[in-house]
PDB file of N, CA and C in Angstrom:
ATOM      1  N   MET A   1       0.745  -1.008   0.115  1.00  0.00           N
ATOM      2  CA  MET A   1      -0.037  -0.937   0.339  1.00  0.00           C
ATOM      3  C   MET A   1       1.287   0.921  -0.120  1.00  0.00           C
ATOM      4  N   TYR A   2       1.577   1.555   0.351  1.00  0.00           N
ATOM      5  CA  TYR A   2       2.817   2.214   0.449  1.00  0.00           C
ATOM      6  C   TYR A   2       3.977   1.961  -0.371  1.00  0.00           C
ATOM      7  N   ARG A   3       4.688   3.134  -1.055  1.00  0.00           N
ATOM      8  CA  ARG A   3       5.831   2.317  -1.346  1.00  0.00           C
ATOM      9  C   ARG A   3       7.095   3.847  -0.554  1.00  0.00           C
ATOM     10  N   MET A   4       7.874   3.262  -0.523  1.00  0.00           N
ATOM     11  CA  MET A   4       9.509   3.669   1.091  1.00  0.00           C
ATOM     12  C   MET A   4      10.800   4.165   0.131  1.00  0.00           C
ATOM     13  N   ASP A   5      11.652   5.038   0.331  1.00  0.00           N
ATOM     14  CA  ASP A   5      11.952   5.765  -0.725  1.00  0.00           C
ATOM     15  C   ASP A   5      13.346   4.311  -0.898  1.00  0.00           C
ATOM     16  N   THR A   6      13.783   4.563  -1.634  1.00  0.00           N
ATOM     17  CA  THR A   6      15.531   3.423  -1.830  1.00  0.00           C
ATOM     18  C   THR A   6      16.376   3.741  -0.985  1.00  0.00           C
ATOM     19  N   SER A   7      16.003   5.049  -0.380  1.00  0.00           N
ATOM     20  CA  SER A   7      17.540   4.979   0.709  1.00  0.00           C
ATOM     21  C   SER A   7      17.175   4.485   2.152  1.00  0.00           C
ATOM     22  N   CYS A   8      15.756   4.468   2.758  1.00  0.00           N
ATOM     23  CA  CYS A   8      14.754   3.694   3.830  1.00  0.00           C
ATOM     24  C   CYS A   8      15.436   2.359   3.683  1.00  0.00           C
ATOM     25  N   THR A   9      15.807   2.380   4.933  1.00  0.00           N
ATOM     26  CA  THR A   9      15.876   1.084   5.778  1.00  0.00           C
ATOM     27  C   THR A   9      14.801  -0.169   5.739  1.00  0.00           C
ATOM     28  N   ASN A  10      15.696  -1.465   6.036  1.00  0.00           N
ATOM     29  CA  ASN A  10      14.442  -2.297   7.193  1.00  0.00           C
ATOM     30  C   ASN A  10      13.744  -2.128   8.323  1.00  0.00           C
ATOM     31  N   ASN A  11      14.828  -0.918   8.890  1.00  0.00           N
ATOM     32  CA  ASN A  11      14.711  -0.774   9.984  1.00  0.00           C
ATOM     33  C   ASN A  11      13.020   0.556  10.077  1.00  0.00           C
ATOM     34  N   GLN A  12      13.883   1.150   9.242  1.00  0.00           N
ATOM     35  CA  GLN A  12      12.563   1.982   9.102  1.00  0.00           C
ATOM     36  C   GLN A  12      11.216   1.825   8.683  1.00  0.00           C
ATOM     37  N   ALA A  13      11.414   0.854   7.567  1.00  0.00           N
ATOM     38  CA  ALA A  13      10.047   0.266   7.201  1.00  0.00           C
ATOM     39  C   ALA A  13       8.814  -0.424   8.300  1.00  0.00           C
ATOM     40  N   GLU A  14      10.086  -1.441   8.870  1.00  0.00           N
ATOM     41  CA  GLU A  14       9.076  -2.023  10.066  1.00  0.00           C
ATOM     42  C   GLU A  14       8.816  -0.736  11.377  1.00  0.00           C
ATOM     43  N   ALA A  15       9.281   0.352  11.545  1.00  0.00           N
ATOM     44  CA  ALA A  15       8.528   1.481  12.219  1.00  0.00           C
ATOM     45  C   ALA A  15       7.905   2.045  11.829  1.00  0.00           C
ATOM     46  N   PHE A  16       7.719   2.230   9.934  1.00  0.00           N
ATOM     47  CA  PHE A  16       6.800   3.117   9.197  1.00  0.00           C
ATOM     48  C   PHE A  16       5.761   1.907   9.037  1.00  0.00           C
ATOM     49  N   ALA A  17       5.620   1.054   9.210  1.00  0.00           N
ATOM     50  CA  ALA A  17       4.301  -0.300   9.178  1.00  0.00           C
ATOM     51  C   ALA A  17       4.242  -0.314  10.965  1.00  0.00           C
ATOM     52  N   ILE A  18       5.147   0.578  12.197  1.00  0.00           N
ATOM     53  CA  ILE A  18       3.862  -0.200  13.233  1.00  0.00           C
ATOM     54  C   ILE A  18       3.278   1.254  13.393  1.00  0.00           C
ATOM     55  N   LEU A  19       3.840   2.367  12.548  1.00  0.00           N
ATOM     56  CA  LEU A  19       3.473   3.786  13.002  1.00  0.00           C
ATOM     57  C   LEU A  19       1.726   3.618  12.139  1.00  0.00           C
ATOM     58  N   LYS A  20       1.654   3.228  11.033  1.00  0.00           N
ATOM     59  CA  LYS A  20       0.009   2.854  10.298  1.00  0.00           C
ATOM     60  C   LYS A  20      -0.529   2.064  10.865  1.00  0.00           C
ATOM     61  N   ALA A  21      -0.127   1.141  11.246  1.00  0.00           N
ATOM     62  CA  ALA A  21      -1.342   0.425  12.173  1.00  0.00           C
ATOM     63  C   ALA A  21      -2.038   1.394  13.502  1.00  0.00           C
ATOM     64  N   LEU A  22      -1.453   1.893  13.699  1.00  0.00           N
ATOM     65  CA  LEU A  22      -1.526   2.427  15.400  1.00  0.00           C
ATOM     66  C   LEU A  22      -2.643   3.505  14.402  1.00  0.00           C
ATOM     67  N   GLU A  23      -2.481   4.099  13.347  1.00  0.00           N
ATOM     68  CA  GLU A  23      -3.245   5.050  13.357  1.00  0.00           C
ATOM     69  C   GLU A  23      -4.271   4.683  12.845  1.00  0.00           C
ATOM     70  N   TYR A  24      -4.476   3.953  11.590  1.00  0.00           N
ATOM     71  CA  TYR A  24      -5.287   2.669  11.446  1.00  0.00           C
ATOM     72  C   TYR A  24      -6.541   2.308  13.061  1.00  0.00           C
ATOM     73  N   ILE A  25      -5.941   2.212  13.800  1.00  0.00           N
ATOM     74  CA  ILE A  25      -6.655   2.414  14.963  1.00  0.00           C
ATOM     75  C   ILE A  25      -7.132   3.319  15.290  1.00  0.00           C
ATOM     76  N   GLN A  26      -6.781   4.338  15.432  1.00  0.00           N
ATOM     77  CA  GLN A  26      -6.987   5.208  15.629  1.00  0.00           C
ATOM     78  C   GLN A  26      -8.092   6.157  15.037  1.00  0.00           C
ATOM     79  N   THR A  27      -8.141   5.872  13.450  1.00  0.00           N
ATOM     80  CA  THR A  27      -8.906   6.138  12.569  1.00  0.00           C
ATOM     81  C   THR A  27      -9.875   5.557  12.430  1.00  0.00           C
ATOM     82  N   ASN A  28      -9.944   4.372  12.008  1.00  0.00           N
ATOM     83  CA  ASN A  28     -11.053   3.350  12.202  1.00  0.00           C
ATOM     84  C   ASN A  28     -11.994   2.573  12.569  1.00  0.00           C
ATOM     85  N   GLN A  29     -11.229   2.902  14.328  1.00  0.00           N
ATOM     86  CA  GLN A  29     -11.671   1.414  15.083  1.00  0.00           C
ATOM     87  C   GLN A  29     -12.119   1.877  16.235  1.00  0.00           C
ATOM     88  N   ALA A  30     -12.161   3.487  16.508  1.00  0.00           N
ATOM     89  CA  ALA A  30     -12.002   3.812  17.592  1.00  0.00           C
ATOM     90  C   ALA A  30     -13.625   3.908  17.951  1.00  0.00           C
ATOM     91  N   ASN A  31     -14.879   3.465  17.887  1.00  0.00           N
ATOM     92  CA  ASN A  31     -15.385   2.413  17.982  1.00  0.00           C
ATOM     93  C   ASN A  31     -16.050   1.566  18.845  1.00  0.00           C
ATOM     94  N   GLU A  32     -15.237   0.755  18.266  1.00  0.00           N
ATOM     95  CA  GLU A  32     -15.544  -0.792  18.674  1.00  0.00           C
ATOM     96  C   GLU A  32     -14.851  -0.735  20.470  1.00  0.00           C
ATOM     97  N   GLU A  33     -16.244  -2.272  20.729  1.00  0.00           N
ATOM     98  CA  GLU A  33     -16.055  -2.211  22.265  1.00  0.00           C
ATOM     99  C   GLU A  33     -14.550  -2.823  23.139  1.00  0.00           C
ATOM    100  N   ASP A  34     -14.264  -3.864  21.453  1.00  0.00           N
ATOM    101  CA  ASP A  34     -13.093  -4.006  22.710  1.00  0.00           C
ATOM    102  C   ASP A  34     -11.721  -3.234  22.353  1.00  0.00           C
ATOM    103  N   LYS A  35     -11.560  -2.547  23.072  1.00  0.00           N
ATOM    104  CA  LYS A  35     -10.070  -1.731  22.798  1.00  0.00           C
ATOM    105  C   LYS A  35      -9.007  -2.018  23.588  1.00  0.00           C
ATOM    106  N   GLU A  36      -8.593  -2.881  23.127  1.00  0.00           N
ATOM    107  CA  GLU A  36      -7.355  -4.141  23.385  1.00  0.00           C
ATOM    108  C   GLU A  36      -6.648  -4.575  21.969  1.00  0.00           C
ATOM    109  N   VAL A  37      -5.763  -4.211  21.594  1.00  0.00           N
ATOM    110  CA  VAL A  37      -4.555  -4.969  20.108  1.00  0.00           C
ATOM    111  C   VAL A  37      -3.281  -5.100  20.541  1.00  0.00           C
ATOM    112  N   THR A  38      -2.556  -6.119  20.061  1.00  0.00           N
ATOM    113  CA  THR A  38      -1.734  -6.648  20.477  1.00  0.00           C
ATOM    114  C   THR A  38      -0.918  -6.032  18.615  1.00  0.00           C
ATOM    115  N   VAL A  39       0.297  -5.516  18.750  1.00  0.00           N
ATOM    116  CA  VAL A  39       1.131  -5.029  17.512  1.00  0.00           C
ATOM    117  C   VAL A  39       2.235  -5.862  17.277  1.00  0.00           C
ATOM    118  N   HIS A  40       2.114  -6.885  16.091  1.00  0.00           N
ATOM    119  CA  HIS A  40       3.261  -7.784  16.261  1.00  0.00           C
ATOM    120  C   HIS A  40       3.842  -7.423  15.172  1.00  0.00           C
ATOM    121  N   THR A  41       5.126  -7.581  15.659  1.00  0.00           N
ATOM    122  CA  THR A  41       6.185  -7.678  14.757  1.00  0.00           C
ATOM    123  C   THR A  41       7.974  -8.241  14.544  1.00  0.00           C
ATOM    124  N   ASP A  42       8.183  -8.190  13.802  1.00  0.00           N
ATOM    125  CA  ASP A  42       9.358  -8.973  13.626  1.00  0.00           C
ATOM    126  C   ASP A  42      11.173  -8.613  14.016  1.00  0.00           C
ATOM    127  N   SER A  43      10.783  -6.689  14.299  1.00  0.00           N
ATOM    128  CA  SER A  43      12.122  -6.014  14.256  1.00  0.00           C
ATOM    129  C   SER A  43      11.808  -5.906  15.380  1.00  0.00           C
ATOM    130  N   ARG A  44      13.083  -6.631  16.563  1.00  0.00           N
ATOM    131  CA  ARG A  44      13.175  -6.260  17.664  1.00  0.00           C
ATOM    132  C   ARG A  44      13.952  -5.349  18.294  1.00  0.00           C
ATOM    133  N   THR A  45      14.930  -4.477  16.780  1.00  0.00           N
ATOM    134  CA  THR A  45      15.135  -3.197  16.958  1.00  0.00           C
ATOM    135  C   THR A  45      14.041  -2.065  17.086  1.00  0.00           C
ATOM    136  N   THR A  46      13.016  -2.313  16.490  1.00  0.00           N
ATOM    137  CA  THR A  46      12.033  -1.214  16.516  1.00  0.00           C
ATOM    138  C   THR A  46      11.601  -1.534  18.110  1.00  0.00           C
ATOM    139  N   LEU A  47      11.523  -2.817  18.938  1.00  0.00           N
ATOM    140  CA  LEU A  47      10.797  -2.810  19.877  1.00  0.00           C
ATOM    141  C   LEU A  47      11.759  -2.131  20.783  1.00  0.00           C
ATOM    142  N   ASP A  48      13.033  -2.418  20.944  1.00  0.00           N
ATOM    143  CA  ASP A  48      14.261  -2.098  21.201  1.00  0.00           C
ATOM    144  C   ASP A  48      14.486  -0.790  21.506  1.00  0.00           C
ATOM    145  N   SER A  49      14.241  -0.163  20.267  1.00  0.00           N
ATOM    146  CA  SER A  49      13.701   1.531  20.375  1.00  0.00           C
ATOM    147  C   SER A  49      13.071   2.334  21.160  1.00  0.00           C
ATOM    148  N   LEU A  50      11.674   1.313  20.828  1.00  0.00           N
ATOM    149  CA  LEU A  50      10.730   1.725  21.528  1.00  0.00           C
ATOM    150  C   LEU A  50      10.715   1.877  23.037  1.00  0.00           C
ATOM    151  N   ASN A  51      11.618   0.962  23.663  1.00  0.00           N
ATOM    152  CA  ASN A  51      11.617   0.081  24.879  1.00  0.00           C
ATOM    153  C   ASN A  51      12.844   1.502  25.762  1.00  0.00           C
ATOM    154  N   ASN A  52      13.474   1.445  24.608  1.00  0.00           N
ATOM    155  CA  ASN A  52      14.322   2.508  25.222  1.00  0.00           C
ATOM    156  C   ASN A  52      14.551   4.282  25.088  1.00  0.00           C
ATOM    157  N   GLU A  53      14.389   4.524  26.529  1.00  0.00           N
ATOM    158  CA  GLU A  53      13.869   6.306  26.837  1.00  0.00           C
ATOM    159  C   GLU A  53      15.319   7.183  25.734  1.00  0.00           C
ATOM    160  N   ASN A  54      16.453   6.648  25.627  1.00  0.00           N
ATOM    161  CA  ASN A  54      16.812   7.290  24.900  1.00  0.00           C
ATOM    162  C   ASN A  54      17.452   7.206  23.623  1.00  0.00           C
ATOM    163  N   LYS A  55      16.680   6.527  23.011  1.00  0.00           N
ATOM    164  CA  LYS A  55      16.245   6.627  21.441  1.00  0.00           C
ATOM    165  C   LYS A  55      15.129   7.984  21.162  1.00  0.00           C
ATOM    166  N   HIS A  56      15.771   8.456  19.835  1.00  0.00           N
ATOM    167  CA  HIS A  56      14.775   9.720  19.767  1.00  0.00           C
ATOM    168  C   HIS A  56      14.404   9.672  17.980  1.00  0.00           C
ATOM    169  N   THR A  57      14.586   8.587  17.778  1.00  0.00           N
ATOM    170  CA  THR A  57      14.389   8.887  15.871  1.00  0.00           C
ATOM    171  C   THR A  57      13.223   9.476  15.766  1.00  0.00           C
ATOM    172  N   TYR A  58      12.873  10.070  14.485  1.00  0.00           N
ATOM    173  CA  TYR A  58      11.546  10.231  14.873  1.00  0.00           C
ATOM    174  C   TYR A  58      10.381   9.352  14.470  1.00  0.00           C
ATOM    175  N   LEU A  59      10.544   8.578  13.569  1.00  0.00           N
ATOM    176  CA  LEU A  59       9.753   7.389  14.012  1.00  0.00           C
ATOM    177  C   LEU A  59       9.264   6.881  15.164  1.00  0.00           C
ATOM    178  N   THR A  60      10.230   6.734  16.179  1.00  0.00           N
ATOM    179  CA  THR A  60      10.577   6.474  17.240  1.00  0.00           C
ATOM    180  C   THR A  60       9.387   7.638  17.861  1.00  0.00           C
ATOM    181  N   GLU A  61       9.995   8.999  17.894  1.00  0.00           N
ATOM    182  CA  GLU A  61       9.181   9.731  18.253  1.00  0.00           C
ATOM    183  C   GLU A  61       7.697   9.009  18.247  1.00  0.00           C
ATOM    184  N   GLU A  62       7.273   9.196  16.515  1.00  0.00           N
ATOM    185  CA  GLU A  62       5.874   9.420  15.869  1.00  0.00           C
ATOM    186  C   GLU A  62       4.766   7.768  16.729  1.00  0.00           C
ATOM    187  N   ILE A  63       5.469   6.869  16.924  1.00  0.00           N
ATOM    188  CA  ILE A  63       5.047   5.977  17.268  1.00  0.00           C
ATOM    189  C   ILE A  63       4.344   6.295  18.847  1.00  0.00           C
ATOM    190  N   ARG A  64       5.842   6.455  19.372  1.00  0.00           N
ATOM    191  CA  ARG A  64       5.438   6.909  20.750  1.00  0.00           C
ATOM    192  C   ARG A  64       4.557   7.825  21.090  1.00  0.00           C
ATOM    193  N   GLN A  65       4.151   8.819  20.432  1.00  0.00           N
ATOM    194  CA  GLN A  65       3.210   9.921  20.528  1.00  0.00           C
ATOM    195  C   GLN A  65       1.546   8.894  20.336  1.00  0.00           C
ATOM    196  N   LYS A  66       1.450   8.189  18.816  1.00  0.00           N
ATOM    197  CA  LYS A  66       0.407   7.795  18.182  1.00  0.00           C
ATOM    198  C   LYS A  66      -0.171   6.351  19.615  1.00  0.00           C
ATOM    199  N   VAL A  67       0.660   6.239  20.386  1.00  0.00           N
ATOM    200  CA  VAL A  67       0.743   5.234  21.070  1.00  0.00           C
ATOM    201  C   VAL A  67      -0.139   6.081  22.339  1.00  0.00           C
ATOM    202  N   GLN A  68       0.861   7.469  22.694  1.00  0.00           N
ATOM    203  CA  GLN A  68       0.142   8.473  23.795  1.00  0.00           C
ATOM    204  C   GLN A  68      -1.616   8.588  23.604  1.00  0.00           C
ATOM    205  N   GLU A  69      -1.771   8.470  22.078  1.00  0.00           N
ATOM    206  CA  GLU A  69      -3.043   9.697  21.296  1.00  0.00           C
ATOM    207  C   GLU A  69      -4.355   8.575  21.417  1.00  0.00           C
ATOM    208  N   VAL A  70      -3.837   7.290  21.166  1.00  0.00           N
ATOM    209  CA  VAL A  70      -4.940   5.947  20.946  1.00  0.00           C
ATOM    210  C   VAL A  70      -5.161   5.800  22.549  1.00  0.00           C
ATOM    211  N   GLU A  71      -4.423   5.836  23.142  1.00  0.00           N
ATOM    212  CA  GLU A  71      -4.585   5.395  25.148  1.00  0.00           C
ATOM    213  C   GLU A  71      -5.673   6.245  25.720  1.00  0.00           C
ATOM    214  N   ILE A  72      -5.262   7.715  25.202  1.00  0.00           N
ATOM    215  CA  ILE A  72      -5.899   8.757  25.602  1.00  0.00           C
ATOM    216  C   ILE A  72      -7.334   8.521  24.850  1.00  0.00           C
ATOM    217  N   ILE A  73      -7.437   7.407  24.271  1.00  0.00           N
ATOM    218  CA  ILE A  73      -9.174   7.079  23.193  1.00  0.00           C
ATOM    219  C   ILE A  73      -9.521   5.809  23.983  1.00  0.00           C
ATOM    220  N   GLU A  74      -8.547   5.418  25.190  1.00  0.00           N
ATOM    221  CA  GLU A  74      -9.202   4.787  25.825  1.00  0.00           C
ATOM    222  C   GLU A  74      -7.913   2.663  25.678  1.00  0.00           C
ATOM    223  N   TRP A  75      -7.707   2.889  24.365  1.00  0.00           N
ATOM    224  CA  TRP A  75      -7.074   1.720  23.710  1.00  0.00           C
ATOM    225  C   TRP A  75      -5.860   1.148  24.626  1.00  0.00           C
ATOM    226  N   ILE A  76      -5.988  -0.082  25.139  1.00  0.00           N
ATOM    227  CA  ILE A  76      -4.528  -0.504  25.593  1.00  0.00           C
ATOM    228  C   ILE A  76      -4.175  -1.524  24.529  1.00  0.00           C
ATOM    229  N   ILE A  77      -2.630  -0.977  23.716  1.00  0.00           N
ATOM    230  CA  ILE A  77      -1.546  -1.404  22.747  1.00  0.00           C
ATOM    231  C   ILE A  77      -0.301  -1.693  23.365  1.00  0.00           C
ATOM    232  N   ARG A  78      -0.220  -3.609  23.176  1.00  0.00           N
ATOM    233  CA  ARG A  78       0.882  -4.803  23.553  1.00  0.00           C
ATOM    234  C   ARG A  78       1.615  -4.260  22.381  1.00  0.00           C
ATOM    235  N   PHE A  79       2.892  -4.570  22.809  1.00  0.00           N
ATOM    236  CA  PHE A  79       3.936  -4.974  21.327  1.00  0.00           C
ATOM    237  C   PHE A  79       4.330  -6.317  21.595  1.00  0.00           C
ATOM    238  N   ARG A  80       4.538  -7.102  20.775  1.00  0.00           N
ATOM    239  CA  ARG A  80       4.788  -8.341  20.613  1.00  0.00           C
ATOM    240  C   ARG A  80       6.023  -8.747  19.847  1.00  0.00           C
ATOM    241  N   TRP A  81       7.200  -9.438  19.822  1.00  0.00           N
ATOM    242  CA  TRP A  81       7.923  -9.919  18.666  1.00  0.00           C
ATOM    243  C   TRP A  81       7.536 -11.258  18.560  1.00  0.00           C
ATOM    244  N   ILE A  82       7.733 -11.320  17.196  1.00  0.00           N
ATOM    245  CA  ILE A  82       7.273 -12.513  16.667  1.00  0.00           C
ATOM    246  C   ILE A  82       8.221 -12.804  15.782  1.00  0.00           C
ATOM    247  N   LYS A  83       8.706 -14.411  15.636  1.00  0.00           N
ATOM    248  CA  LYS A  83      10.104 -14.438  14.116  1.00  0.00           C
ATOM    249  C   LYS A  83       9.502 -14.141  12.764  1.00  0.00           C
ATOM    250  N   ALA A  84      10.849 -13.597  12.678  1.00  0.00           N
ATOM    251  CA  ALA A  84      10.283 -13.319  10.920  1.00  0.00           C
ATOM    252  C   ALA A  84      10.659 -14.941  10.370  1.00  0.00           C
ATOM    253  N   HIS A  85       9.743 -15.068   9.152  1.00  0.00           N
ATOM    254  CA  HIS A  85       9.562 -16.005   7.760  1.00  0.00           C
ATOM    255  C   HIS A  85       8.574 -17.304   8.538  1.00  0.00           C
ATOM    256  N   ALA A  86       8.505 -17.306   9.817  1.00  0.00           N
ATOM    257  CA  ALA A  86       7.860 -18.240   9.816  1.00  0.00           C
ATOM    258  C   ALA A  86       6.779 -18.704   9.485  1.00  0.00           C
ATOM    259  N   GLY A  87       5.393 -18.231   8.345  1.00  0.00           N
ATOM    260  CA  GLY A  87       4.808 -18.809   8.377  1.00  0.00           C
ATOM    261  C   GLY A  87       3.067 -17.806   9.150  1.00  0.00           C
ATOM    262  N   ARG A  88       3.680 -16.695   9.764  1.00  0.00           N
ATOM    263  CA  ARG A  88       2.636 -16.398  10.328  1.00  0.00           C
ATOM    264  C   ARG A  88       1.946 -15.076   9.282  1.00  0.00           C
ATOM    265  N   SER A  89       0.425 -15.825   9.388  1.00  0.00           N
ATOM    266  CA  SER A  89      -0.661 -14.175   8.370  1.00  0.00           C
ATOM    267  C   SER A  89      -0.195 -13.241   9.096  1.00  0.00           C
ATOM    268  N   GLY A  90       0.272 -12.489   8.090  1.00  0.00           N
ATOM    269  CA  GLY A  90       0.769 -11.048   7.712  1.00  0.00           C
ATOM    270  C   GLY A  90       1.786 -11.013   8.512  1.00  0.00           C
ATOM    271  N   ASN A  91       3.212 -11.824   8.302  1.00  0.00           N
ATOM    272  CA  ASN A  91       4.286 -11.202   8.010  1.00  0.00           C
ATOM    273  C   ASN A  91       4.921 -11.336   6.931  1.00  0.00           C
TER     274      ASN A  91
END
């Protein structure tokens, strides 16, 4: 659905995908009754960056901000690492 610049790294693409998933929740799922979601990613680098308060890349900060925004509308957001290329649907 999105095309990244050729200079984009794999880690940037993974972080961008997480950001877009959170934006989807915020704009399209606001009226859902079950307001808990787990974002699955095979990017340990992105998860480590999100958990490290000393990391302040643009995309990391955008994800943190988006998490705060969806939590304000009472969503519970969880992140979970999954193994890459292991036949997981959507990965």
